[in-house]
Amino acid sequence: MRVPPKVKTMLWRACHEAMPTKKALFCRTITADSVCVRCHAHPEDALHALWSCHELDSVWSDLELWSFQVSTQFVTFKELLLWQVCPPTPVQQTHRPKTRWRPPPSELFKINFDGAVFPHVKKLGISVVIRDHQGLVIASCSKPVHQELCSDDIEAKAAGWALSFALDVGVKQAILEGDSLTVIRGLMEEERLLVPLGLLIKDAKQLSQRFEKLLYSHAKRECNNLAHNLARHAAGIPDFLVWIEDIPPQFHDVLQADLLGLTE
């Protein structure tokens, strides 16, 4: 890119989440929350601070230049920058088959977990869904968490809770699956991570030793939809809730979509 060095430095920092955003400061326990001080609606990471915050609409209002702001969604600032440098063309675009939840082998159960952050109410949620090789629910749960943790930390806490919940249900041979690559890698590797994430990973590893067989799997968000919805459900419940061989009725369509995916 032909831009001044200081712009390159700023872009590099944004791509690596090395800017003093509210989310970065919250993860370092410098601020009390990660909520954007402009819109007061979403966590402020680099993408939100520079691109997606509604308070920036006037900056990106030229539709001839920035029309894709409305039509295209990005997860990270790095993804946005790559899209700008190498925009997709109609010729290159292909329709990929939908990625769906996949069942475990017949001798194992699959334990899906997720964590969610609700900065507007200073609350977090974790969830667990345990299913067999036919995709049938063995047990599920949602739990609100009244702590101040960043997204990776709450995912790690959810992983530990998922293992504990599975043991309580009687599951001893399973695959633990989540959509946080940081947490799954932390569980699989021997490397010691910084606190509090490292301590939460350590707790989960201690629980893993009580399983007869435990494998790990990282999944994309669309493969973890049921656990994701249950984690968000935790924002509206007062305490820990468990469903045996079931899930809340409002999420039956999500479960059915996963089951239909098994026949495709």
C-alpha atoms as a PDB file:
ATOM      1  CA  MET A   1       0.000   0.000   0.000  1.00  0.00           C
ATOM      2  CA  ARG A   2       1.322   3.432  -0.929  1.00  0.00           C
ATOM      3  CA  VAL A   3       0.572   5.330   2.248  1.00  0.00           C
ATOM      4  CA  PRO A   4       2.737   7.269   4.738  1.00  0.00           C
ATOM      5  CA  PRO A   5       4.635   5.166   7.333  1.00  0.00           C
ATOM      6  CA  LYS A   6       2.498   6.497  10.198  1.00  0.00           C
ATOM      7  CA  VAL A   7      -0.646   5.261   8.426  1.00  0.00           C
ATOM      8  CA  LYS A   8       0.950   1.833   7.932  1.00  0.00           C
ATOM      9  CA  THR A   9       1.770   1.754  11.642  1.00  0.00           C
ATOM     10  CA  MET A  10      -1.816   2.630  12.557  1.00  0.00           C
ATOM     11  CA  LEU A  11      -3.194  -0.044  10.203  1.00  0.00           C
ATOM     12  CA  TRP A  12      -0.807  -2.655  11.587  1.00  0.00           C
ATOM     13  CA  ARG A  13      -1.883  -1.853  15.142  1.00  0.00           C
ATOM     14  CA  ALA A  14      -5.553  -2.021  14.178  1.00  0.00           C
ATOM     15  CA  CYS A  15      -5.096  -5.413  12.461  1.00  0.00           C
ATOM     16  CA  HIS A  16      -3.372  -6.806  15.545  1.00  0.00           C
ATOM     17  CA  GLU A  17      -5.823  -5.234  18.059  1.00  0.00           C
ATOM     18  CA  ALA A  18      -2.900  -3.244  19.469  1.00  0.00           C
ATOM     19  CA  MET A  19      -4.818   0.022  19.744  1.00  0.00           C
ATOM     20  CA  PRO A  20      -6.059   1.438  23.079  1.00  0.00           C
ATOM     21  CA  THR A  21      -9.689   0.527  22.391  1.00  0.00           C
ATOM     22  CA  LYS A  22     -12.134  -0.027  25.254  1.00  0.00           C
ATOM     23  CA  LYS A  23     -12.077  -3.793  24.627  1.00  0.00           C
ATOM     24  CA  ALA A  24      -8.266  -3.925  24.773  1.00  0.00           C
ATOM     25  CA  LEU A  25      -8.184  -1.803  27.925  1.00  0.00           C
ATOM     26  CA  PHE A  26     -10.903  -3.925  29.542  1.00  0.00           C
ATOM     27  CA  CYS A  27      -8.972  -7.134  28.851  1.00  0.00           C
ATOM     28  CA  ARG A  28      -6.031  -5.533  30.658  1.00  0.00           C
ATOM     29  CA  THR A  29      -8.311  -4.530  33.566  1.00  0.00           C
ATOM     30  CA  ILE A  30      -7.624  -0.832  32.925  1.00  0.00           C
ATOM     31  CA  THR A  31     -11.285   0.080  32.338  1.00  0.00           C
ATOM     32  CA  ALA A  32     -14.453  -1.195  34.014  1.00  0.00           C
ATOM     33  CA  ASP A  33     -16.137  -2.272  30.768  1.00  0.00           C
ATOM     34  CA  SER A  34     -15.539  -2.627  27.019  1.00  0.00           C
ATOM     35  CA  VAL A  35     -18.525  -0.605  25.807  1.00  0.00           C
ATOM     36  CA  CYS A  36     -17.975   2.097  23.177  1.00  0.00           C
ATOM     37  CA  VAL A  37     -18.189   5.575  24.746  1.00  0.00           C
ATOM     38  CA  ARG A  38     -19.754   7.008  21.580  1.00  0.00           C
ATOM     39  CA  CYS A  39     -22.662   4.678  20.806  1.00  0.00           C
ATOM     40  CA  HIS A  40     -22.938   2.987  24.246  1.00  0.00           C
ATOM     41  CA  ALA A  41     -24.217  -0.120  22.457  1.00  0.00           C
ATOM     42  CA  HIS A  42     -21.346  -2.389  21.434  1.00  0.00           C
ATOM     43  CA  PRO A  43     -17.876  -3.440  22.614  1.00  0.00           C
ATOM     44  CA  GLU A  44     -15.222  -1.190  21.089  1.00  0.00           C
ATOM     45  CA  ASP A  45     -12.572  -3.166  19.218  1.00  0.00           C
ATOM     46  CA  ALA A  46     -10.537  -1.774  16.313  1.00  0.00           C
ATOM     47  CA  LEU A  47     -13.211  -2.576  13.727  1.00  0.00           C
ATOM     48  CA  HIS A  48     -15.919  -0.876  15.759  1.00  0.00           C
ATOM     49  CA  ALA A  49     -13.766   2.152  16.630  1.00  0.00           C
ATOM     50  CA  LEU A  50     -12.722   2.822  13.033  1.00  0.00           C
ATOM     51  CA  TRP A  51     -15.548   1.449  10.928  1.00  0.00           C
ATOM     52  CA  SER A  52     -18.795   0.028  12.264  1.00  0.00           C
ATOM     53  CA  CYS A  53     -19.820   2.373  15.087  1.00  0.00           C
ATOM     54  CA  HIS A  54     -23.045   4.167  14.127  1.00  0.00           C
ATOM     55  CA  GLU A  55     -21.540   7.431  15.321  1.00  0.00           C
ATOM     56  CA  LEU A  56     -19.142   7.197  12.349  1.00  0.00           C
ATOM     57  CA  ASP A  57     -21.928   7.076   9.737  1.00  0.00           C
ATOM     58  CA  SER A  58     -21.239  10.673   8.738  1.00  0.00           C
ATOM     59  CA  VAL A  59     -17.583   9.804   8.046  1.00  0.00           C
ATOM     60  CA  TRP A  60     -18.470   6.946   5.687  1.00  0.00           C
ATOM     61  CA  SER A  61     -21.569   8.591   4.195  1.00  0.00           C
ATOM     62  CA  ASP A  62     -20.258   8.815   0.588  1.00  0.00           C
ATOM     63  CA  LEU A  63     -22.109   5.857  -0.974  1.00  0.00           C
ATOM     64  CA  GLU A  64     -20.030   5.966  -4.149  1.00  0.00           C
ATOM     65  CA  LEU A  65     -16.933   5.119  -2.111  1.00  0.00           C
ATOM     66  CA  TRP A  66     -18.284   3.211   0.879  1.00  0.00           C
ATOM     67  CA  SER A  67     -21.554   1.582  -0.224  1.00  0.00           C
ATOM     68  CA  PHE A  68     -20.276  -1.824   0.918  1.00  0.00           C
ATOM     69  CA  GLN A  69     -20.410  -0.660   4.545  1.00  0.00           C
ATOM     70  CA  VAL A  70     -24.095  -1.544   4.566  1.00  0.00           C
ATOM     71  CA  SER A  71     -24.001  -4.640   2.358  1.00  0.00           C
ATOM     72  CA  THR A  72     -20.855  -6.369   3.669  1.00  0.00           C
ATOM     73  CA  GLN A  73     -20.191  -7.528   7.230  1.00  0.00           C
ATOM     74  CA  PHE A  74     -16.693  -7.939   8.644  1.00  0.00           C
ATOM     75  CA  VAL A  75     -15.576  -9.699  11.821  1.00  0.00           C
ATOM     76  CA  THR A  76     -12.194  -8.001  12.296  1.00  0.00           C
ATOM     77  CA  PHE A  77     -10.416  -4.890  11.028  1.00  0.00           C
ATOM     78  CA  LYS A  78      -7.887  -7.133   9.285  1.00  0.00           C
ATOM     79  CA  GLU A  79     -10.703  -8.701   7.282  1.00  0.00           C
ATOM     80  CA  LEU A  80     -11.943  -5.238   6.287  1.00  0.00           C
ATOM     81  CA  LEU A  81      -8.467  -4.150   5.184  1.00  0.00           C
ATOM     82  CA  LEU A  82      -7.914  -7.304   3.124  1.00  0.00           C
ATOM     83  CA  TRP A  83     -11.282  -6.764   1.456  1.00  0.00           C
ATOM     84  CA  GLN A  84     -10.222  -3.213   0.544  1.00  0.00           C
ATOM     85  CA  VAL A  85      -6.818  -4.248  -0.797  1.00  0.00           C
ATOM     86  CA  CYS A  86      -8.117  -7.289  -2.725  1.00  0.00           C
ATOM     87  CA  PRO A  87     -11.866  -6.792  -3.220  1.00  0.00           C
ATOM     88  CA  PRO A  88     -13.744  -9.860  -4.482  1.00  0.00           C
ATOM     89  CA  THR A  89     -15.002  -9.882  -8.067  1.00  0.00           C
ATOM     90  CA  PRO A  90     -18.173 -11.549  -9.336  1.00  0.00           C
ATOM     91  CA  VAL A  91     -16.072 -13.961 -11.412  1.00  0.00           C
ATOM     92  CA  GLN A  92     -14.192 -15.186  -8.358  1.00  0.00           C
ATOM     93  CA  GLN A  93     -17.201 -15.590  -6.096  1.00  0.00           C
ATOM     94  CA  THR A  94     -18.496 -19.110  -5.565  1.00  0.00           C
ATOM     95  CA  HIS A  95     -21.340 -20.430  -3.484  1.00  0.00           C
ATOM     96  CA  ARG A  96     -19.868 -22.532  -0.710  1.00  0.00           C
ATOM     97  CA  PRO A  97     -21.983 -25.224   0.915  1.00  0.00           C
ATOM     98  CA  LYS A  98     -23.209 -24.206   4.342  1.00  0.00           C
ATOM     99  CA  THR A  99     -20.999 -25.263   7.220  1.00  0.00           C
ATOM    100  CA  ARG A 100     -23.026 -27.102   9.825  1.00  0.00           C
ATOM    101  CA  TRP A 101     -22.608 -28.897  13.122  1.00  0.00           C
ATOM    102  CA  ARG A 102     -21.204 -32.386  12.635  1.00  0.00           C
ATOM    103  CA  PRO A 103     -21.999 -35.341  14.925  1.00  0.00           C
ATOM    104  CA  PRO A 104     -19.337 -37.268  16.852  1.00  0.00           C
ATOM    105  CA  PRO A 105     -18.455 -40.938  16.221  1.00  0.00           C
ATOM    106  CA  SER A 106     -20.970 -43.389  17.703  1.00  0.00           C
ATOM    107  CA  GLU A 107     -18.791 -44.166  20.746  1.00  0.00           C
ATOM    108  CA  LEU A 108     -18.429 -40.498  21.740  1.00  0.00           C
ATOM    109  CA  PHE A 109     -20.583 -37.539  22.734  1.00  0.00           C
ATOM    110  CA  LYS A 110     -19.993 -33.999  21.545  1.00  0.00           C
ATOM    111  CA  ILE A 111     -19.898 -31.194  24.112  1.00  0.00           C
ATOM    112  CA  ASN A 112     -20.435 -27.768  22.543  1.00  0.00           C
ATOM    113  CA  PHE A 113     -19.820 -24.694  24.683  1.00  0.00           C
ATOM    114  CA  ASP A 114     -19.947 -20.934  24.224  1.00  0.00           C
ATOM    115  CA  GLY A 115     -19.581 -17.710  26.164  1.00  0.00           C
ATOM    116  CA  ALA A 116     -21.325 -14.388  25.551  1.00  0.00           C
ATOM    117  CA  VAL A 117     -20.669 -10.853  26.791  1.00  0.00           C
ATOM    118  CA  PHE A 118     -23.495  -8.374  27.450  1.00  0.00           C
ATOM    119  CA  PRO A 119     -21.662  -5.090  28.161  1.00  0.00           C
ATOM    120  CA  HIS A 120     -24.837  -2.981  28.342  1.00  0.00           C
ATOM    121  CA  VAL A 121     -25.960  -4.889  31.457  1.00  0.00           C
ATOM    122  CA  LYS A 122     -22.459  -5.804  32.722  1.00  0.00           C
ATOM    123  CA  LYS A 123     -23.315  -9.479  32.542  1.00  0.00           C
ATOM    124  CA  LEU A 124     -21.948 -12.591  30.849  1.00  0.00           C
ATOM    125  CA  GLY A 125     -23.433 -15.922  29.886  1.00  0.00           C
ATOM    126  CA  ILE A 126     -22.145 -19.431  29.294  1.00  0.00           C
ATOM    127  CA  SER A 127     -23.838 -22.453  27.789  1.00  0.00           C
ATOM    128  CA  VAL A 128     -23.305 -26.157  27.158  1.00  0.00           C
ATOM    129  CA  VAL A 129     -25.027 -28.586  24.782  1.00  0.00           C
ATOM    130  CA  ILE A 130     -24.221 -32.309  24.876  1.00  0.00           C
ATOM    131  CA  ARG A 131     -25.350 -34.415  21.898  1.00  0.00           C
ATOM    132  CA  ASP A 132     -24.880 -37.991  20.697  1.00  0.00           C
ATOM    133  CA  HIS A 133     -23.893 -39.335  17.280  1.00  0.00           C
ATOM    134  CA  GLN A 134     -27.468 -38.899  16.008  1.00  0.00           C
ATOM    135  CA  GLY A 135     -27.543 -35.231  17.006  1.00  0.00           C
ATOM    136  CA  LEU A 136     -29.998 -35.855  19.845  1.00  0.00           C
ATOM    137  CA  VAL A 137     -29.626 -33.673  22.921  1.00  0.00           C
ATOM    138  CA  ILE A 138     -28.490 -35.481  26.065  1.00  0.00           C
ATOM    139  CA  ALA A 139     -28.435 -32.368  28.243  1.00  0.00           C
ATOM    140  CA  SER A 140     -28.033 -28.602  27.932  1.00  0.00           C
ATOM    141  CA  CYS A 141     -27.673 -25.629  30.231  1.00  0.00           C
ATOM    142  CA  SER A 142     -27.441 -21.835  30.389  1.00  0.00           C
ATOM    143  CA  LYS A 143     -25.804 -19.898  33.200  1.00  0.00           C
ATOM    144  CA  PRO A 144     -25.458 -16.134  33.809  1.00  0.00           C
ATOM    145  CA  VAL A 145     -22.053 -15.042  35.107  1.00  0.00           C
ATOM    146  CA  HIS A 146     -21.715 -11.930  37.233  1.00  0.00           C
ATOM    147  CA  GLN A 147     -18.041 -11.230  36.643  1.00  0.00           C
ATOM    148  CA  GLU A 148     -16.019  -8.824  34.530  1.00  0.00           C
ATOM    149  CA  LEU A 149     -14.220 -10.966  31.954  1.00  0.00           C
ATOM    150  CA  CYS A 150     -13.161 -10.330  28.368  1.00  0.00           C
ATOM    151  CA  SER A 151     -14.373 -12.581  25.526  1.00  0.00           C
ATOM    152  CA  ASP A 152     -11.483 -15.083  25.633  1.00  0.00           C
ATOM    153  CA  ASP A 153     -11.752 -15.410  29.407  1.00  0.00           C
ATOM    154  CA  ILE A 154     -15.488 -16.123  29.366  1.00  0.00           C
ATOM    155  CA  GLU A 155     -14.937 -18.718  26.608  1.00  0.00           C
ATOM    156  CA  ALA A 156     -12.317 -20.421  28.786  1.00  0.00           C
ATOM    157  CA  LYS A 157     -14.671 -20.337  31.781  1.00  0.00           C
ATOM    158  CA  ALA A 158     -17.396 -21.857  29.583  1.00  0.00           C
ATOM    159  CA  ALA A 159     -15.035 -24.660  28.518  1.00  0.00           C
ATOM    160  CA  GLY A 160     -14.329 -25.557  32.140  1.00  0.00           C
ATOM    161  CA  TRP A 161     -18.007 -25.408  33.016  1.00  0.00           C
ATOM    162  CA  ALA A 162     -18.818 -27.627  30.014  1.00  0.00           C
ATOM    163  CA  LEU A 163     -16.428 -30.320  31.216  1.00  0.00           C
ATOM    164  CA  SER A 164     -17.804 -30.143  34.766  1.00  0.00           C
ATOM    165  CA  PHE A 165     -21.401 -30.310  33.505  1.00  0.00           C
ATOM    166  CA  ALA A 166     -20.612 -33.298  31.260  1.00  0.00           C
ATOM    167  CA  LEU A 167     -19.062 -35.169  34.174  1.00  0.00           C
ATOM    168  CA  ASP A 168     -22.142 -34.467  36.300  1.00  0.00           C
ATOM    169  CA  VAL A 169     -24.338 -35.887  33.527  1.00  0.00           C
ATOM    170  CA  GLY A 170     -22.170 -39.014  33.355  1.00  0.00           C
ATOM    171  CA  VAL A 171     -20.327 -38.368  30.082  1.00  0.00           C
ATOM    172  CA  LYS A 172     -16.774 -39.735  30.189  1.00  0.00           C
ATOM    173  CA  GLN A 173     -15.882 -40.079  26.479  1.00  0.00           C
ATOM    174  CA  ALA A 174     -16.419 -36.981  24.365  1.00  0.00           C
ATOM    175  CA  ILE A 175     -15.284 -34.291  21.980  1.00  0.00           C
ATOM    176  CA  LEU A 176     -15.168 -30.781  23.430  1.00  0.00           C
ATOM    177  CA  GLU A 177     -15.992 -28.253  20.711  1.00  0.00           C
ATOM    178  CA  GLY A 178     -16.063 -24.446  20.792  1.00  0.00           C
ATOM    179  CA  ASP A 179     -15.662 -21.507  18.428  1.00  0.00           C
ATOM    180  CA  SER A 180     -12.786 -19.851  20.325  1.00  0.00           C
ATOM    181  CA  LEU A 181      -9.538 -20.895  18.650  1.00  0.00           C
ATOM    182  CA  THR A 182      -7.535 -19.317  21.493  1.00  0.00           C
ATOM    183  CA  VAL A 183      -9.226 -21.515  24.103  1.00  0.00           C
ATOM    184  CA  ILE A 184      -9.094 -24.744  22.071  1.00  0.00           C
ATOM    185  CA  ARG A 185      -5.392 -24.206  21.356  1.00  0.00           C
ATOM    186  CA  GLY A 186      -4.788 -23.409  25.024  1.00  0.00           C
ATOM    187  CA  LEU A 187      -6.416 -26.688  26.050  1.00  0.00           C
ATOM    188  CA  MET A 188      -4.409 -28.716  23.531  1.00  0.00           C
ATOM    189  CA  GLU A 189      -0.998 -27.136  24.138  1.00  0.00           C
ATOM    190  CA  GLU A 190       1.311 -27.127  27.150  1.00  0.00           C
ATOM    191  CA  GLU A 191       2.125 -23.427  26.867  1.00  0.00           C
ATOM    192  CA  ARG A 192       1.254 -21.365  29.946  1.00  0.00           C
ATOM    193  CA  LEU A 193      -0.959 -18.377  29.176  1.00  0.00           C
ATOM    194  CA  LEU A 194      -1.281 -15.070  30.994  1.00  0.00           C
ATOM    195  CA  VAL A 195      -3.774 -14.686  33.814  1.00  0.00           C
ATOM    196  CA  PRO A 196      -6.710 -14.819  34.153  1.00  0.00           C
ATOM    197  CA  LEU A 197      -6.994 -16.827  30.912  1.00  0.00           C
ATOM    198  CA  GLY A 198      -4.160 -19.153  31.898  1.00  0.00           C
ATOM    199  CA  LEU A 199      -5.768 -20.015  35.239  1.00  0.00           C
ATOM    200  CA  LEU A 200      -9.124 -20.732  33.604  1.00  0.00           C
ATOM    201  CA  ILE A 201      -7.427 -22.985  31.020  1.00  0.00           C
ATOM    202  CA  LYS A 202      -5.562 -24.745  33.844  1.00  0.00           C
ATOM    203  CA  ASP A 203      -8.850 -25.426  35.676  1.00  0.00           C
ATOM    204  CA  ALA A 204     -10.347 -26.912  32.504  1.00  0.00           C
ATOM    205  CA  LYS A 205      -7.267 -29.105  31.940  1.00  0.00           C
ATOM    206  CA  GLN A 206      -7.571 -30.506  35.463  1.00  0.00           C
ATOM    207  CA  LEU A 207     -11.197 -31.465  34.768  1.00  0.00           C
ATOM    208  CA  SER A 208     -10.175 -33.073  31.459  1.00  0.00           C
ATOM    209  CA  GLN A 209      -8.069 -35.627  33.358  1.00  0.00           C
ATOM    210  CA  ARG A 210     -11.263 -37.156  34.781  1.00  0.00           C
ATOM    211  CA  PHE A 211     -12.434 -38.240  31.307  1.00  0.00           C
ATOM    212  CA  GLU A 212     -11.670 -41.676  29.876  1.00  0.00           C
ATOM    213  CA  LYS A 213     -11.285 -40.119  26.426  1.00  0.00           C
ATOM    214  CA  LEU A 214     -11.452 -36.449  25.486  1.00  0.00           C
ATOM    215  CA  LEU A 215     -10.729 -34.884  22.109  1.00  0.00           C
ATOM    216  CA  TYR A 216     -10.813 -31.214  21.139  1.00  0.00           C
ATOM    217  CA  SER A 217     -12.373 -29.529  18.129  1.00  0.00           C
ATOM    218  CA  HIS A 218     -12.508 -25.918  16.938  1.00  0.00           C
ATOM    219  CA  ALA A 219     -15.652 -24.977  15.002  1.00  0.00           C
ATOM    220  CA  LYS A 220     -16.828 -21.884  13.190  1.00  0.00           C
ATOM    221  CA  ARG A 221     -19.640 -19.891  14.782  1.00  0.00           C
ATOM    222  CA  GLU A 222     -22.245 -21.313  12.367  1.00  0.00           C
ATOM    223  CA  CYS A 223     -21.311 -24.817  13.572  1.00  0.00           C
ATOM    224  CA  ASN A 224     -21.879 -23.730  17.167  1.00  0.00           C
ATOM    225  CA  ASN A 225     -25.212 -21.966  16.732  1.00  0.00           C
ATOM    226  CA  LEU A 226     -27.158 -23.874  19.353  1.00  0.00           C
ATOM    227  CA  ALA A 227     -24.606 -23.248  22.102  1.00  0.00           C
ATOM    228  CA  HIS A 228     -24.297 -19.625  20.958  1.00  0.00           C
ATOM    229  CA  ASN A 229     -28.048 -19.054  21.277  1.00  0.00           C
ATOM    230  CA  LEU A 230     -28.123 -20.680  24.714  1.00  0.00           C
ATOM    231  CA  ALA A 231     -25.248 -18.461  25.878  1.00  0.00           C
ATOM    232  CA  ARG A 232     -27.162 -15.367  24.803  1.00  0.00           C
ATOM    233  CA  HIS A 233     -30.264 -16.789  26.509  1.00  0.00           C
ATOM    234  CA  ALA A 234     -28.371 -16.503  29.796  1.00  0.00           C
ATOM    235  CA  ALA A 235     -28.789 -12.712  29.726  1.00  0.00           C
ATOM    236  CA  GLY A 236     -32.482 -13.067  30.495  1.00  0.00           C
ATOM    237  CA  ILE A 237     -32.467 -15.734  33.196  1.00  0.00           C
ATOM    238  CA  PRO A 238     -31.843 -15.214  36.923  1.00  0.00           C
ATOM    239  CA  ASP A 239     -29.805 -18.344  37.591  1.00  0.00           C
ATOM    240  CA  PHE A 240     -28.387 -21.599  36.256  1.00  0.00           C
ATOM    241  CA  LEU A 241     -30.931 -23.618  34.218  1.00  0.00           C
ATOM    242  CA  VAL A 242     -30.613 -27.220  33.002  1.00  0.00           C
ATOM    243  CA  TRP A 243     -32.634 -29.115  30.375  1.00  0.00           C
ATOM    244  CA  ILE A 244     -32.330 -32.911  30.275  1.00  0.00           C
ATOM    245  CA  GLU A 245     -32.753 -34.371  26.774  1.00  0.00           C
ATOM    246  CA  ASP A 246     -34.123 -31.010  25.685  1.00  0.00           C
ATOM    247  CA  ILE A 247     -33.429 -27.319  25.037  1.00  0.00           C
ATOM    248  CA  PRO A 248     -35.620 -24.212  25.476  1.00  0.00           C
ATOM    249  CA  PRO A 249     -38.508 -24.411  22.953  1.00  0.00           C
ATOM    250  CA  GLN A 250     -37.563 -21.160  21.225  1.00  0.00           C
ATOM    251  CA  PHE A 251     -34.369 -22.835  19.965  1.00  0.00           C
ATOM    252  CA  HIS A 252     -35.954 -25.975  18.509  1.00  0.00           C
ATOM    253  CA  ASP A 253     -35.635 -24.518  15.005  1.00  0.00           C
ATOM    254  CA  VAL A 254     -31.868 -24.151  15.499  1.00  0.00           C
ATOM    255  CA  LEU A 255     -31.650 -27.785  16.591  1.00  0.00           C
ATOM    256  CA  GLN A 256     -33.783 -28.886  13.644  1.00  0.00           C
ATOM    257  CA  ALA A 257     -31.480 -27.027  11.240  1.00  0.00           C
ATOM    258  CA  ASP A 258     -28.530 -28.979  12.660  1.00  0.00           C
ATOM    259  CA  LEU A 259     -30.419 -32.287  12.315  1.00  0.00           C
ATOM    260  CA  LEU A 260     -31.415 -31.504   8.736  1.00  0.00           C
ATOM    261  CA  GLY A 261     -27.772 -30.800   7.981  1.00  0.00           C
ATOM    262  CA  LEU A 262     -26.912 -34.394   8.920  1.00  0.00           C
ATOM    263  CA  THR A 263     -28.955 -35.708   5.985  1.00  0.00           C
ATOM    264  CA  GLU A 264     -27.465 -33.388   3.360  1.00  0.00           C
END
